[in-house]
Amino acid sequence: MDDRSRTNLIEQLAMSMGAVSENSSKFDKARYDSSTGTLYCNGVKYSRNMVDEAVNYFRKMQQQANASGSREMQNIGTYYQIAIEAILMMEGE
């Protein structure tokens, strides 16, 4: 087996297990697969658990920002709220 065939075989096996080929344009655009809860973004695959963890993280950070009493931190809390809402809207599609 030549090197090119071996490389192609390895890439095909990796892709069958969920990896994204560097040359693949399938996941170039961010998209959300609501049937699996998977987010594809910049060639990276994020599971439903990771998306849920992101929401929990942003909620925690928003609470901390809002509790600080600082106007600047409360503005940052607003950014966290926007991130939370964007993720929830994406999941609702």
PDB file of N, CA and C in Angstrom:
ATOM      1  N   MET A   1       0.855  -1.169   0.000  1.00  0.00           N
ATOM      2  CA  MET A   1       0.000   0.000   0.000  1.00  0.00           C
ATOM      3  C   MET A   1       0.902   1.233   0.000  1.00  0.00           C
ATOM      4  N   ASP A   2       0.650   2.158  -0.935  1.00  0.00           N
ATOM      5  CA  ASP A   2       1.475   3.364  -0.993  1.00  0.00           C
ATOM      6  C   ASP A   2       1.030   4.376   0.077  1.00  0.00           C
ATOM      7  N   ASP A   3       1.849   5.393   0.271  1.00  0.00           N
ATOM      8  CA  ASP A   3       1.593   6.371   1.328  1.00  0.00           C
ATOM      9  C   ASP A   3       0.278   7.117   1.121  1.00  0.00           C
ATOM     10  N   ARG A   4      -0.039   7.435  -0.132  1.00  0.00           N
ATOM     11  CA  ARG A   4      -1.269   8.174  -0.432  1.00  0.00           C
ATOM     12  C   ARG A   4      -2.502   7.348  -0.065  1.00  0.00           C
ATOM     13  N   SER A   5      -2.505   6.089  -0.417  1.00  0.00           N
ATOM     14  CA  SER A   5      -3.630   5.211  -0.093  1.00  0.00           C
ATOM     15  C   SER A   5      -3.759   5.044   1.411  1.00  0.00           C
ATOM     16  N   ARG A   6      -2.637   4.907   2.081  1.00  0.00           N
ATOM     17  CA  ARG A   6      -2.647   4.753   3.536  1.00  0.00           C
ATOM     18  C   ARG A   6      -3.213   6.008   4.192  1.00  0.00           C
ATOM     19  N   THR A   7      -2.798   7.170   3.714  1.00  0.00           N
ATOM     20  CA  THR A   7      -3.294   8.433   4.261  1.00  0.00           C
ATOM     21  C   THR A   7      -4.799   8.550   4.053  1.00  0.00           C
ATOM     22  N   ASN A   8      -5.272   8.208   2.862  1.00  0.00           N
ATOM     23  CA  ASN A   8      -6.707   8.256   2.569  1.00  0.00           C
ATOM     24  C   ASN A   8      -7.482   7.312   3.471  1.00  0.00           C
ATOM     25  N   LEU A   9      -6.964   6.120   3.680  1.00  0.00           N
ATOM     26  CA  LEU A   9      -7.624   5.137   4.531  1.00  0.00           C
ATOM     27  C   LEU A   9      -7.711   5.647   5.971  1.00  0.00           C
ATOM     28  N   ILE A  10      -6.623   6.206   6.477  1.00  0.00           N
ATOM     29  CA  ILE A  10      -6.614   6.737   7.840  1.00  0.00           C
ATOM     30  C   ILE A  10      -7.617   7.875   7.972  1.00  0.00           C
ATOM     31  N   GLU A  11      -7.650   8.783   6.984  1.00  0.00           N
ATOM     32  CA  GLU A  11      -8.608   9.894   7.018  1.00  0.00           C
ATOM     33  C   GLU A  11     -10.042   9.390   7.001  1.00  0.00           C
ATOM     34  N   GLN A  12     -10.331   8.383   6.188  1.00  0.00           N
ATOM     35  CA  GLN A  12     -11.679   7.835   6.117  1.00  0.00           C
ATOM     36  C   GLN A  12     -12.079   7.180   7.436  1.00  0.00           C
ATOM     37  N   LEU A  13     -11.162   6.456   8.052  1.00  0.00           N
ATOM     38  CA  LEU A  13     -11.449   5.839   9.356  1.00  0.00           C
ATOM     39  C   LEU A  13     -11.695   6.910  10.414  1.00  0.00           C
ATOM     40  N   ALA A  14     -10.869   7.939  10.413  1.00  0.00           N
ATOM     41  CA  ALA A  14     -11.021   9.020  11.385  1.00  0.00           C
ATOM     42  C   ALA A  14     -12.361   9.728  11.192  1.00  0.00           C
ATOM     43  N   MET A  15     -12.722  10.008   9.959  1.00  0.00           N
ATOM     44  CA  MET A  15     -13.989  10.688   9.678  1.00  0.00           C
ATOM     45  C   MET A  15     -15.181   9.823  10.070  1.00  0.00           C
ATOM     46  N   SER A  16     -15.059   8.506   9.906  1.00  0.00           N
ATOM     47  CA  SER A  16     -16.158   7.621  10.282  1.00  0.00           C
ATOM     48  C   SER A  16     -16.372   7.606  11.791  1.00  0.00           C
ATOM     49  N   MET A  17     -15.341   8.021  12.534  1.00  0.00           N
ATOM     50  CA  MET A  17     -15.449   8.081  13.996  1.00  0.00           C
ATOM     51  C   MET A  17     -15.759   9.495  14.479  1.00  0.00           C
ATOM     52  N   GLY A  18     -16.045  10.414  13.560  1.00  0.00           N
ATOM     53  CA  GLY A  18     -16.474  11.752  13.934  1.00  0.00           C
ATOM     54  C   GLY A  18     -15.464  12.852  13.727  1.00  0.00           C
ATOM     55  N   ALA A  19     -14.260  12.530  13.310  1.00  0.00           N
ATOM     56  CA  ALA A  19     -13.255  13.569  13.062  1.00  0.00           C
ATOM     57  C   ALA A  19     -13.616  14.325  11.792  1.00  0.00           C
ATOM     58  N   VAL A  20     -13.133  15.530  11.690  1.00  0.00           N
ATOM     59  CA  VAL A  20     -13.382  16.362  10.523  1.00  0.00           C
ATOM     60  C   VAL A  20     -12.084  16.510   9.754  1.00  0.00           C
ATOM     61  N   SER A  21     -12.130  16.204   8.485  1.00  0.00           N
ATOM     62  CA  SER A  21     -10.950  16.328   7.629  1.00  0.00           C
ATOM     63  C   SER A  21     -10.560  17.778   7.477  1.00  0.00           C
ATOM     64  N   GLU A  22      -9.261  18.049   7.412  1.00  0.00           N
ATOM     65  CA  GLU A  22      -8.787  19.424   7.207  1.00  0.00           C
ATOM     66  C   GLU A  22      -9.296  19.979   5.887  1.00  0.00           C
ATOM     67  N   ASN A  23      -9.493  19.122   4.913  1.00  0.00           N
ATOM     68  CA  ASN A  23      -9.936  19.552   3.589  1.00  0.00           C
ATOM     69  C   ASN A  23     -11.449  19.579   3.449  1.00  0.00           C
ATOM     70  N   SER A  24     -12.139  19.137   4.483  1.00  0.00           N
ATOM     71  CA  SER A  24     -13.593  19.036   4.403  1.00  0.00           C
ATOM     72  C   SER A  24     -14.246  20.403   4.495  1.00  0.00           C
ATOM     73  N   SER A  25     -15.225  20.642   3.631  1.00  0.00           N
ATOM     74  CA  SER A  25     -15.991  21.879   3.726  1.00  0.00           C
ATOM     75  C   SER A  25     -17.346  21.612   4.366  1.00  0.00           C
ATOM     76  N   LYS A  26     -17.581  20.364   4.771  1.00  0.00           N
ATOM     77  CA  LYS A  26     -18.872  19.990   5.340  1.00  0.00           C
ATOM     78  C   LYS A  26     -19.195  20.795   6.593  1.00  0.00           C
ATOM     79  N   PHE A  27     -18.194  21.068   7.418  1.00  0.00           N
ATOM     80  CA  PHE A  27     -18.444  21.752   8.671  1.00  0.00           C
ATOM     81  C   PHE A  27     -17.827  23.145   8.698  1.00  0.00           C
ATOM     82  N   ASP A  28     -17.579  23.738   7.521  1.00  0.00           N
ATOM     83  CA  ASP A  28     -16.991  25.068   7.484  1.00  0.00           C
ATOM     84  C   ASP A  28     -17.902  26.090   8.159  1.00  0.00           C
ATOM     85  N   LYS A  29     -19.189  26.010   7.905  1.00  0.00           N
ATOM     86  CA  LYS A  29     -20.140  26.918   8.510  1.00  0.00           C
ATOM     87  C   LYS A  29     -20.628  26.314   9.825  1.00  0.00           C
ATOM     88  N   ALA A  30     -20.825  27.168  10.803  1.00  0.00           N
ATOM     89  CA  ALA A  30     -21.352  26.688  12.077  1.00  0.00           C
ATOM     90  C   ALA A  30     -22.792  26.239  11.869  1.00  0.00           C
ATOM     91  N   ARG A  31     -23.123  25.125  12.491  1.00  0.00           N
ATOM     92  CA  ARG A  31     -24.498  24.634  12.414  1.00  0.00           C
ATOM     93  C   ARG A  31     -24.785  23.804  13.647  1.00  0.00           C
ATOM     94  N   TYR A  32     -26.059  23.643  13.932  1.00  0.00           N
ATOM     95  CA  TYR A  32     -26.501  22.880  15.090  1.00  0.00           C
ATOM     96  C   TYR A  32     -27.393  21.758  14.601  1.00  0.00           C
ATOM     97  N   ASP A  33     -27.090  20.542  15.010  1.00  0.00           N
ATOM     98  CA  ASP A  33     -27.900  19.376  14.670  1.00  0.00           C
ATOM     99  C   ASP A  33     -28.813  19.095  15.854  1.00  0.00           C
ATOM    100  N   SER A  34     -30.065  19.535  15.762  1.00  0.00           N
ATOM    101  CA  SER A  34     -30.988  19.402  16.892  1.00  0.00           C
ATOM    102  C   SER A  34     -31.344  17.954  17.191  1.00  0.00           C
ATOM    103  N   SER A  35     -31.192  17.063  16.224  1.00  0.00           N
ATOM    104  CA  SER A  35     -31.522  15.659  16.474  1.00  0.00           C
ATOM    105  C   SER A  35     -30.508  14.998  17.405  1.00  0.00           C
ATOM    106  N   THR A  36     -29.271  15.475  17.391  1.00  0.00           N
ATOM    107  CA  THR A  36     -28.238  14.902  18.255  1.00  0.00           C
ATOM    108  C   THR A  36     -27.772  15.871  19.334  1.00  0.00           C
ATOM    109  N   GLY A  37     -28.140  17.147  19.180  1.00  0.00           N
ATOM    110  CA  GLY A  37     -27.672  18.155  20.124  1.00  0.00           C
ATOM    111  C   GLY A  37     -26.221  18.532  19.898  1.00  0.00           C
ATOM    112  N   THR A  38     -25.727  18.287  18.700  1.00  0.00           N
ATOM    113  CA  THR A  38     -24.318  18.540  18.381  1.00  0.00           C
ATOM    114  C   THR A  38     -24.170  19.876  17.666  1.00  0.00           C
ATOM    115  N   LEU A  39     -23.170  20.636  18.087  1.00  0.00           N
ATOM    116  CA  LEU A  39     -22.840  21.904  17.455  1.00  0.00           C
ATOM    117  C   LEU A  39     -21.559  21.721  16.664  1.00  0.00           C
ATOM    118  N   TYR A  40     -21.576  22.098  15.395  1.00  0.00           N
ATOM    119  CA  TYR A  40     -20.397  22.053  14.541  1.00  0.00           C
ATOM    120  C   TYR A  40     -19.955  23.500  14.329  1.00  0.00           C
ATOM    121  N   CYS A  41     -18.726  23.792  14.707  1.00  0.00           N
ATOM    122  CA  CYS A  41     -18.254  25.169  14.647  1.00  0.00           C
ATOM    123  C   CYS A  41     -16.763  25.191  14.334  1.00  0.00           C
ATOM    124  N   ASN A  42     -16.400  25.841  13.238  1.00  0.00           N
ATOM    125  CA  ASN A  42     -14.994  25.953  12.832  1.00  0.00           C
ATOM    126  C   ASN A  42     -14.299  24.600  12.742  1.00  0.00           C
ATOM    127  N   GLY A  43     -15.002  23.612  12.216  1.00  0.00           N
ATOM    128  CA  GLY A  43     -14.416  22.291  12.032  1.00  0.00           C
ATOM    129  C   GLY A  43     -14.324  21.463  13.299  1.00  0.00           C
ATOM    130  N   VAL A  44     -14.947  21.938  14.387  1.00  0.00           N
ATOM    131  CA  VAL A  44     -14.927  21.209  15.655  1.00  0.00           C
ATOM    132  C   VAL A  44     -16.349  20.787  15.998  1.00  0.00           C
ATOM    133  N   LYS A  45     -16.459  19.590  16.540  1.00  0.00           N
ATOM    134  CA  LYS A  45     -17.750  19.012  16.901  1.00  0.00           C
ATOM    135  C   LYS A  45     -17.914  19.093  18.417  1.00  0.00           C
ATOM    136  N   TYR A  46     -19.006  19.755  18.880  1.00  0.00           N
ATOM    137  CA  TYR A  46     -19.281  19.893  20.310  1.00  0.00           C
ATOM    138  C   TYR A  46     -20.546  19.108  20.642  1.00  0.00           C
ATOM    139  N   SER A  47     -20.448  18.226  21.626  1.00  0.00           N
ATOM    140  CA  SER A  47     -21.577  17.386  22.014  1.00  0.00           C
ATOM    141  C   SER A  47     -22.619  18.197  22.780  1.00  0.00           C
ATOM    142  N   ARG A  48     -23.786  17.592  22.942  1.00  0.00           N
ATOM    143  CA  ARG A  48     -24.866  18.223  23.712  1.00  0.00           C
ATOM    144  C   ARG A  48     -24.380  18.526  25.135  1.00  0.00           C
ATOM    145  N   ASN A  49     -23.609  17.608  25.726  1.00  0.00           N
ATOM    146  CA  ASN A  49     -23.099  17.836  27.081  1.00  0.00           C
ATOM    147  C   ASN A  49     -22.210  19.072  27.141  1.00  0.00           C
ATOM    148  N   MET A  50     -21.366  19.248  26.131  1.00  0.00           N
ATOM    149  CA  MET A  50     -20.486  20.419  26.114  1.00  0.00           C
ATOM    150  C   MET A  50     -21.285  21.706  25.957  1.00  0.00           C
ATOM    151  N   VAL A  51     -22.325  21.670  25.145  1.00  0.00           N
ATOM    152  CA  VAL A  51     -23.178  22.849  24.949  1.00  0.00           C
ATOM    153  C   VAL A  51     -23.892  23.173  26.262  1.00  0.00           C
ATOM    154  N   ASP A  52     -24.406  22.141  26.943  1.00  0.00           N
ATOM    155  CA  ASP A  52     -25.066  22.347  28.236  1.00  0.00           C
ATOM    156  C   ASP A  52     -24.089  22.903  29.270  1.00  0.00           C
ATOM    157  N   GLU A  53     -22.862  22.399  29.262  1.00  0.00           N
ATOM    158  CA  GLU A  53     -21.842  22.910  30.180  1.00  0.00           C
ATOM    159  C   GLU A  53     -21.528  24.375  29.895  1.00  0.00           C
ATOM    160  N   ALA A  54     -21.540  24.747  28.627  1.00  0.00           N
ATOM    161  CA  ALA A  54     -21.299  26.148  28.264  1.00  0.00           C
ATOM    162  C   ALA A  54     -22.400  27.039  28.828  1.00  0.00           C
ATOM    163  N   VAL A  55     -23.657  26.605  28.713  1.00  0.00           N
ATOM    164  CA  VAL A  55     -24.775  27.384  29.257  1.00  0.00           C
ATOM    165  C   VAL A  55     -24.610  27.530  30.768  1.00  0.00           C
ATOM    166  N   ASN A  56     -24.293  26.430  31.441  1.00  0.00           N
ATOM    167  CA  ASN A  56     -24.103  26.487  32.895  1.00  0.00           C
ATOM    168  C   ASN A  56     -22.954  27.419  33.276  1.00  0.00           C
ATOM    169  N   TYR A  57     -21.879  27.381  32.516  1.00  0.00           N
ATOM    170  CA  TYR A  57     -20.737  28.260  32.761  1.00  0.00           C
ATOM    171  C   TYR A  57     -21.150  29.726  32.625  1.00  0.00           C
ATOM    172  N   PHE A  58     -21.852  30.050  31.527  1.00  0.00           N
ATOM    173  CA  PHE A  58     -22.268  31.428  31.313  1.00  0.00           C
ATOM    174  C   PHE A  58     -23.240  31.897  32.394  1.00  0.00           C
ATOM    175  N   ARG A  59     -24.110  31.007  32.872  1.00  0.00           N
ATOM    176  CA  ARG A  59     -25.028  31.380  33.956  1.00  0.00           C
ATOM    177  C   ARG A  59     -24.252  31.691  35.234  1.00  0.00           C
ATOM    178  N   LYS A  60     -23.273  30.855  35.542  1.00  0.00           N
ATOM    179  CA  LYS A  60     -22.446  31.068  36.729  1.00  0.00           C
ATOM    180  C   LYS A  60     -21.694  32.395  36.627  1.00  0.00           C
ATOM    181  N   MET A  61     -21.099  32.636  35.465  1.00  0.00           N
ATOM    182  CA  MET A  61     -20.336  33.868  35.272  1.00  0.00           C
ATOM    183  C   MET A  61     -21.248  35.097  35.308  1.00  0.00           C
ATOM    184  N   GLN A  62     -22.462  34.957  34.790  1.00  0.00           N
ATOM    185  CA  GLN A  62     -23.415  36.065  34.818  1.00  0.00           C
ATOM    186  C   GLN A  62     -23.793  36.400  36.259  1.00  0.00           C
ATOM    187  N   GLN A  63     -24.041  35.375  37.063  1.00  0.00           N
ATOM    188  CA  GLN A  63     -24.386  35.604  38.468  1.00  0.00           C
ATOM    189  C   GLN A  63     -23.251  36.323  39.196  1.00  0.00           C
ATOM    190  N   GLN A  64     -22.020  35.889  38.932  1.00  0.00           N
ATOM    191  CA  GLN A  64     -20.865  36.528  39.568  1.00  0.00           C
ATOM    192  C   GLN A  64     -20.732  37.982  39.118  1.00  0.00           C
ATOM    193  N   ALA A  65     -20.923  38.216  37.837  1.00  0.00           N
ATOM    194  CA  ALA A  65     -20.800  39.580  37.309  1.00  0.00           C
ATOM    195  C   ALA A  65     -21.873  40.478  37.897  1.00  0.00           C
ATOM    196  N   ASN A  66     -23.111  39.984  37.957  1.00  0.00           N
ATOM    197  CA  ASN A  66     -24.210  40.795  38.473  1.00  0.00           C
ATOM    198  C   ASN A  66     -24.074  41.035  39.973  1.00  0.00           C
ATOM    199  N   ALA A  67     -23.495  40.087  40.692  1.00  0.00           N
ATOM    200  CA  ALA A  67     -23.337  40.215  42.143  1.00  0.00           C
ATOM    201  C   ALA A  67     -22.217  41.179  42.529  1.00  0.00           C
ATOM    202  N   SER A  68     -21.375  41.512  41.585  1.00  0.00           N
ATOM    203  CA  SER A  68     -20.222  42.362  41.906  1.00  0.00           C
ATOM    204  C   SER A  68     -20.621  43.781  42.287  1.00  0.00           C
ATOM    205  N   GLY A  69     -21.748  44.234  41.790  1.00  0.00           N
ATOM    206  CA  GLY A  69     -22.191  45.590  42.081  1.00  0.00           C
ATOM    207  C   GLY A  69     -21.580  46.640  41.166  1.00  0.00           C
ATOM    208  N   SER A  70     -20.556  46.271  40.449  1.00  0.00           N
ATOM    209  CA  SER A  70     -19.891  47.188  39.526  1.00  0.00           C
ATOM    210  C   SER A  70     -20.727  47.330  38.256  1.00  0.00           C
ATOM    211  N   ARG A  71     -20.878  48.555  37.798  1.00  0.00           N
ATOM    212  CA  ARG A  71     -21.642  48.804  36.559  1.00  0.00           C
ATOM    213  C   ARG A  71     -20.982  48.098  35.381  1.00  0.00           C
ATOM    214  N   GLU A  72     -19.658  48.154  35.329  1.00  0.00           N
ATOM    215  CA  GLU A  72     -18.919  47.494  34.242  1.00  0.00           C
ATOM    216  C   GLU A  72     -19.154  45.984  34.262  1.00  0.00           C
ATOM    217  N   MET A  73     -19.126  45.377  35.443  1.00  0.00           N
ATOM    218  CA  MET A  73     -19.345  43.931  35.539  1.00  0.00           C
ATOM    219  C   MET A  73     -20.790  43.570  35.208  1.00  0.00           C
ATOM    220  N   GLN A  74     -21.729  44.445  35.549  1.00  0.00           N
ATOM    221  CA  GLN A  74     -23.123  44.184  35.188  1.00  0.00           C
ATOM    222  C   GLN A  74     -23.306  44.230  33.672  1.00  0.00           C
ATOM    223  N   ASN A  75     -22.556  45.108  33.008  1.00  0.00           N
ATOM    224  CA  ASN A  75     -22.583  45.114  31.536  1.00  0.00           C
ATOM    225  C   ASN A  75     -22.037  43.801  30.994  1.00  0.00           C
ATOM    226  N   ILE A  76     -20.983  43.297  31.603  1.00  0.00           N
ATOM    227  CA  ILE A  76     -20.430  42.006  31.190  1.00  0.00           C
ATOM    228  C   ILE A  76     -21.449  40.904  31.452  1.00  0.00           C
ATOM    229  N   GLY A  77     -22.201  41.016  32.543  1.00  0.00           N
ATOM    230  CA  GLY A  77     -23.280  40.064  32.825  1.00  0.00           C
ATOM    231  C   GLY A  77     -24.306  40.036  31.706  1.00  0.00           C
ATOM    232  N   THR A  78     -24.538  41.200  31.096  1.00  0.00           N
ATOM    233  CA  THR A  78     -25.455  41.278  29.955  1.00  0.00           C
ATOM    234  C   THR A  78     -24.918  40.477  28.772  1.00  0.00           C
ATOM    235  N   TYR A  79     -23.615  40.523  28.566  1.00  0.00           N
ATOM    236  CA  TYR A  79     -23.011  39.740  27.476  1.00  0.00           C
ATOM    237  C   TYR A  79     -23.188  38.250  27.724  1.00  0.00           C
ATOM    238  N   TYR A  80     -23.036  37.840  28.979  1.00  0.00           N
ATOM    239  CA  TYR A  80     -23.255  36.430  29.313  1.00  0.00           C
ATOM    240  C   TYR A  80     -24.706  36.041  29.048  1.00  0.00           C
ATOM    241  N   GLN A  81     -25.640  36.942  29.379  1.00  0.00           N
ATOM    242  CA  GLN A  81     -27.049  36.649  29.125  1.00  0.00           C
ATOM    243  C   GLN A  81     -27.310  36.494  27.632  1.00  0.00           C
ATOM    244  N   ILE A  82     -26.683  37.329  26.834  1.00  0.00           N
ATOM    245  CA  ILE A  82     -26.838  37.221  25.381  1.00  0.00           C
ATOM    246  C   ILE A  82     -26.327  35.871  24.893  1.00  0.00           C
ATOM    247  N   ALA A  83     -25.184  35.428  25.405  1.00  0.00           N
ATOM    248  CA  ALA A  83     -24.624  34.127  25.011  1.00  0.00           C
ATOM    249  C   ALA A  83     -25.573  32.996  25.398  1.00  0.00           C
ATOM    250  N   ILE A  84     -26.121  33.076  26.613  1.00  0.00           N
ATOM    251  CA  ILE A  84     -27.064  32.050  27.078  1.00  0.00           C
ATOM    252  C   ILE A  84     -28.275  31.997  26.159  1.00  0.00           C
ATOM    253  N   GLU A  85     -28.860  33.157  25.880  1.00  0.00           N
ATOM    254  CA  GLU A  85     -30.060  33.205  25.039  1.00  0.00           C
ATOM    255  C   GLU A  85     -29.773  32.713  23.623  1.00  0.00           C
ATOM    256  N   ALA A  86     -28.610  33.042  23.088  1.00  0.00           N
ATOM    257  CA  ALA A  86     -28.258  32.588  21.747  1.00  0.00           C
ATOM    258  C   ALA A  86     -28.174  31.056  21.695  1.00  0.00           C
ATOM    259  N   ILE A  87     -27.575  30.467  22.709  1.00  0.00           N
ATOM    260  CA  ILE A  87     -27.484  29.005  22.755  1.00  0.00           C
ATOM    261  C   ILE A  87     -28.856  28.391  22.902  1.00  0.00           C
ATOM    262  N   LEU A  88     -29.682  28.928  23.780  1.00  0.00           N
ATOM    263  CA  LEU A  88     -31.029  28.392  23.976  1.00  0.00           C
ATOM    264  C   LEU A  88     -31.881  28.531  22.720  1.00  0.00           C
ATOM    265  N   MET A  89     -31.729  29.652  21.997  1.00  0.00           N
ATOM    266  CA  MET A  89     -32.476  29.827  20.748  1.00  0.00           C
ATOM    267  C   MET A  89     -32.016  28.811  19.713  1.00  0.00           C
ATOM    268  N   MET A  90     -30.713  28.569  19.661  1.00  0.00           N
ATOM    269  CA  MET A  90     -30.158  27.609  18.718  1.00  0.00           C
ATOM    270  C   MET A  90     -30.727  26.220  19.015  1.00  0.00           C
ATOM    271  N   GLU A  91     -30.821  25.862  20.280  1.00  0.00           N
ATOM    272  CA  GLU A  91     -31.334  24.556  20.655  1.00  0.00           C
ATOM    273  C   GLU A  91     -32.821  24.417  20.338  1.00  0.00           C
ATOM    274  N   GLY A  92     -33.553  25.538  20.356  1.00  0.00           N
ATOM    275  CA  GLY A  92     -34.988  25.504  20.110  1.00  0.00           C
ATOM    276  C   GLY A  92     -35.367  25.367  18.658  1.00  0.00           C
ATOM    277  N   GLU A  93     -34.411  25.557  17.754  1.00  0.00           N
ATOM    278  CA  GLU A  93     -34.724  25.487  16.314  1.00  0.00           C
ATOM    279  C   GLU A  93     -35.084  24.099  15.891  1.00  0.00           C
TER     280      GLU A  93
END
